[in-house]
């Protein structure tokens, strides 16, 4: 079990929903990964990231898919690619990432609560 945080700590994490508008293999990555460009709506805009999600997803299947991501982490250099958000997922039985997504379509930029 992880340590407890306050509700105010939780509010500091800005988790938003966005739609993948572009995806392509990240061929230069050390481990298989996909580059994603995600539209988070007018308030946040389009952000990019890379994710090691090749077990369950292809770039073509991700375009148009809504995903959840932390949008207020500092940008991080991943090889030659600047990652601006952290997409969220859970491990499957083999430890591979299954992305978190709303069960119904929602407006881009919606904040998780």
C-alpha atoms as a PDB file:
ATOM      1  CA  UNK A   1       0.000   0.000   0.000  1.00  0.00           C
ATOM      2  CA  UNK A   2       1.215   3.478  -0.793  1.00  0.00           C
ATOM      3  CA  UNK A   3       1.391   6.312   1.688  1.00  0.00           C
ATOM      4  CA  UNK A   4      -1.629   8.534   2.185  1.00  0.00           C
ATOM      5  CA  UNK A   5      -1.871  11.961   0.597  1.00  0.00           C
ATOM      6  CA  UNK A   6      -4.223  14.805   1.347  1.00  0.00           C
ATOM      7  CA  UNK A   7      -7.066  15.781  -0.961  1.00  0.00           C
ATOM      8  CA  UNK A   8      -5.155  19.001  -1.672  1.00  0.00           C
ATOM      9  CA  UNK A   9      -2.205  16.875  -2.881  1.00  0.00           C
ATOM     10  CA  UNK A  10      -4.556  15.067  -5.274  1.00  0.00           C
ATOM     11  CA  UNK A  11      -5.859  18.382  -6.623  1.00  0.00           C
ATOM     12  CA  UNK A  12      -2.305  19.313  -7.671  1.00  0.00           C
ATOM     13  CA  UNK A  13      -2.314  16.503 -10.257  1.00  0.00           C
ATOM     14  CA  UNK A  14      -4.015  17.748 -13.423  1.00  0.00           C
ATOM     15  CA  UNK A  15      -5.414  14.679 -15.214  1.00  0.00           C
ATOM     16  CA  UNK A  16      -7.241  15.489 -18.436  1.00  0.00           C
ATOM     17  CA  UNK A  17      -8.877  13.594 -21.260  1.00  0.00           C
ATOM     18  CA  UNK A  18      -7.736  14.120 -24.821  1.00  0.00           C
ATOM     19  CA  UNK A  19      -8.058  12.584 -28.259  1.00  0.00           C
ATOM     20  CA  UNK A  20      -5.069  11.120 -30.076  1.00  0.00           C
ATOM     21  CA  UNK A  21      -4.806  13.088 -33.332  1.00  0.00           C
ATOM     22  CA  UNK A  22      -1.541  11.585 -34.581  1.00  0.00           C
ATOM     23  CA  UNK A  23       0.504   8.501 -33.692  1.00  0.00           C
ATOM     24  CA  UNK A  24       3.625   6.952 -35.145  1.00  0.00           C
ATOM     25  CA  UNK A  25       6.203   4.341 -34.169  1.00  0.00           C
ATOM     26  CA  UNK A  26       9.111   5.699 -32.151  1.00  0.00           C
ATOM     27  CA  UNK A  27      11.787   3.819 -34.066  1.00  0.00           C
ATOM     28  CA  UNK A  28      14.718   5.456 -32.243  1.00  0.00           C
ATOM     29  CA  UNK A  29      13.496   4.387 -28.778  1.00  0.00           C
ATOM     30  CA  UNK A  30      15.490   1.770 -26.876  1.00  0.00           C
ATOM     31  CA  UNK A  31      12.278  -0.141 -26.070  1.00  0.00           C
ATOM     32  CA  UNK A  32       9.362  -0.349 -28.533  1.00  0.00           C
ATOM     33  CA  UNK A  33       7.218   2.772 -28.148  1.00  0.00           C
ATOM     34  CA  UNK A  34       4.708   4.960 -29.943  1.00  0.00           C
ATOM     35  CA  UNK A  35       4.815   8.754 -30.290  1.00  0.00           C
ATOM     36  CA  UNK A  36       1.423  10.365 -29.607  1.00  0.00           C
ATOM     37  CA  UNK A  37       0.042  13.839 -30.311  1.00  0.00           C
ATOM     38  CA  UNK A  38      -3.044  14.410 -28.148  1.00  0.00           C
ATOM     39  CA  UNK A  39      -5.638  17.197 -28.396  1.00  0.00           C
ATOM     40  CA  UNK A  40      -6.658  18.316 -24.902  1.00  0.00           C
ATOM     41  CA  UNK A  41      -8.995  21.080 -26.051  1.00  0.00           C
ATOM     42  CA  UNK A  42      -8.681  24.852 -26.019  1.00  0.00           C
ATOM     43  CA  UNK A  43      -7.377  25.289 -22.449  1.00  0.00           C
ATOM     44  CA  UNK A  44      -4.438  22.866 -22.723  1.00  0.00           C
ATOM     45  CA  UNK A  45      -3.972  22.477 -26.481  1.00  0.00           C
ATOM     46  CA  UNK A  46      -2.167  19.725 -28.329  1.00  0.00           C
ATOM     47  CA  UNK A  47       0.599  17.943 -26.411  1.00  0.00           C
ATOM     48  CA  UNK A  48       2.944  15.130 -27.368  1.00  0.00           C
ATOM     49  CA  UNK A  49       4.334  12.120 -25.558  1.00  0.00           C
ATOM     50  CA  UNK A  50       5.828   8.717 -26.136  1.00  0.00           C
ATOM     51  CA  UNK A  51       4.601   5.533 -24.508  1.00  0.00           C
ATOM     52  CA  UNK A  52       5.676   1.900 -24.376  1.00  0.00           C
ATOM     53  CA  UNK A  53       2.242   0.599 -25.374  1.00  0.00           C
ATOM     54  CA  UNK A  54       3.057  -1.508 -28.437  1.00  0.00           C
ATOM     55  CA  UNK A  55       1.768  -4.793 -26.991  1.00  0.00           C
ATOM     56  CA  UNK A  56      -1.904  -3.799 -27.207  1.00  0.00           C
ATOM     57  CA  UNK A  57      -1.915  -0.791 -29.549  1.00  0.00           C
ATOM     58  CA  UNK A  58      -0.809   0.218 -33.014  1.00  0.00           C
ATOM     59  CA  UNK A  59      -0.380   3.819 -34.127  1.00  0.00           C
ATOM     60  CA  UNK A  60      -3.270   3.454 -36.584  1.00  0.00           C
ATOM     61  CA  UNK A  61      -5.660   2.133 -33.909  1.00  0.00           C
ATOM     62  CA  UNK A  62      -4.791   4.949 -31.489  1.00  0.00           C
ATOM     63  CA  UNK A  63      -5.780   7.844 -33.764  1.00  0.00           C
ATOM     64  CA  UNK A  64      -9.213   9.036 -32.651  1.00  0.00           C
ATOM     65  CA  UNK A  65      -9.005   7.239 -29.280  1.00  0.00           C
ATOM     66  CA  UNK A  66      -9.562   9.233 -26.095  1.00  0.00           C
ATOM     67  CA  UNK A  67      -6.985   8.764 -23.336  1.00  0.00           C
ATOM     68  CA  UNK A  68      -6.291  10.128 -19.857  1.00  0.00           C
ATOM     69  CA  UNK A  69      -3.012  11.889 -19.110  1.00  0.00           C
ATOM     70  CA  UNK A  70      -1.271  14.000 -16.497  1.00  0.00           C
ATOM     71  CA  UNK A  71      -0.775  17.359 -18.200  1.00  0.00           C
ATOM     72  CA  UNK A  72       1.066  19.343 -15.527  1.00  0.00           C
ATOM     73  CA  UNK A  73       4.345  17.439 -15.226  1.00  0.00           C
ATOM     74  CA  UNK A  74       7.424  19.241 -16.563  1.00  0.00           C
ATOM     75  CA  UNK A  75       8.377  18.233 -20.123  1.00  0.00           C
ATOM     76  CA  UNK A  76      10.886  15.387 -20.243  1.00  0.00           C
ATOM     77  CA  UNK A  77      13.368  14.455 -22.949  1.00  0.00           C
ATOM     78  CA  UNK A  78      12.879  10.832 -24.078  1.00  0.00           C
ATOM     79  CA  UNK A  79      15.734  10.179 -26.474  1.00  0.00           C
ATOM     80  CA  UNK A  80      15.367  12.751 -29.257  1.00  0.00           C
ATOM     81  CA  UNK A  81      11.682  13.336 -28.452  1.00  0.00           C
ATOM     82  CA  UNK A  82      10.262  15.798 -25.903  1.00  0.00           C
ATOM     83  CA  UNK A  83       7.446  14.246 -23.867  1.00  0.00           C
ATOM     84  CA  UNK A  84       5.011  16.860 -22.546  1.00  0.00           C
ATOM     85  CA  UNK A  85       2.380  14.691 -20.815  1.00  0.00           C
ATOM     86  CA  UNK A  86       2.137  11.272 -19.164  1.00  0.00           C
ATOM     87  CA  UNK A  87      -0.565   8.984 -20.555  1.00  0.00           C
ATOM     88  CA  UNK A  88      -2.074   6.751 -17.896  1.00  0.00           C
ATOM     89  CA  UNK A  89      -2.712   3.041 -17.883  1.00  0.00           C
ATOM     90  CA  UNK A  90      -2.887  -0.101 -15.781  1.00  0.00           C
ATOM     91  CA  UNK A  91      -0.797  -3.254 -16.169  1.00  0.00           C
ATOM     92  CA  UNK A  92      -2.450  -6.332 -17.644  1.00  0.00           C
ATOM     93  CA  UNK A  93      -1.668  -9.812 -16.274  1.00  0.00           C
ATOM     94  CA  UNK A  94       1.705  -9.715 -18.078  1.00  0.00           C
ATOM     95  CA  UNK A  95       2.594  -6.199 -16.910  1.00  0.00           C
ATOM     96  CA  UNK A  96       1.842  -4.587 -20.284  1.00  0.00           C
ATOM     97  CA  UNK A  97       0.101  -1.193 -20.376  1.00  0.00           C
ATOM     98  CA  UNK A  98      -3.659  -0.916 -20.925  1.00  0.00           C
ATOM     99  CA  UNK A  99      -4.552   2.742 -21.391  1.00  0.00           C
ATOM    100  CA  UNK A 100      -7.156   4.484 -19.244  1.00  0.00           C
ATOM    101  CA  UNK A 101      -9.999   5.929 -21.319  1.00  0.00           C
ATOM    102  CA  UNK A 102     -13.549   7.116 -20.654  1.00  0.00           C
ATOM    103  CA  UNK A 103     -16.242   4.535 -21.392  1.00  0.00           C
ATOM    104  CA  UNK A 104     -18.228   7.189 -23.292  1.00  0.00           C
ATOM    105  CA  UNK A 105     -16.948  10.055 -25.439  1.00  0.00           C
ATOM    106  CA  UNK A 106     -16.425  13.246 -23.453  1.00  0.00           C
ATOM    107  CA  UNK A 107     -15.215  16.734 -24.427  1.00  0.00           C
ATOM    108  CA  UNK A 108     -11.427  17.038 -24.801  1.00  0.00           C
ATOM    109  CA  UNK A 109      -9.780  18.798 -21.888  1.00  0.00           C
ATOM    110  CA  UNK A 110     -12.164  17.530 -19.230  1.00  0.00           C
ATOM    111  CA  UNK A 111     -10.439  17.297 -15.869  1.00  0.00           C
ATOM    112  CA  UNK A 112     -10.709  14.102 -13.842  1.00  0.00           C
ATOM    113  CA  UNK A 113     -12.481  14.433 -10.520  1.00  0.00           C
END
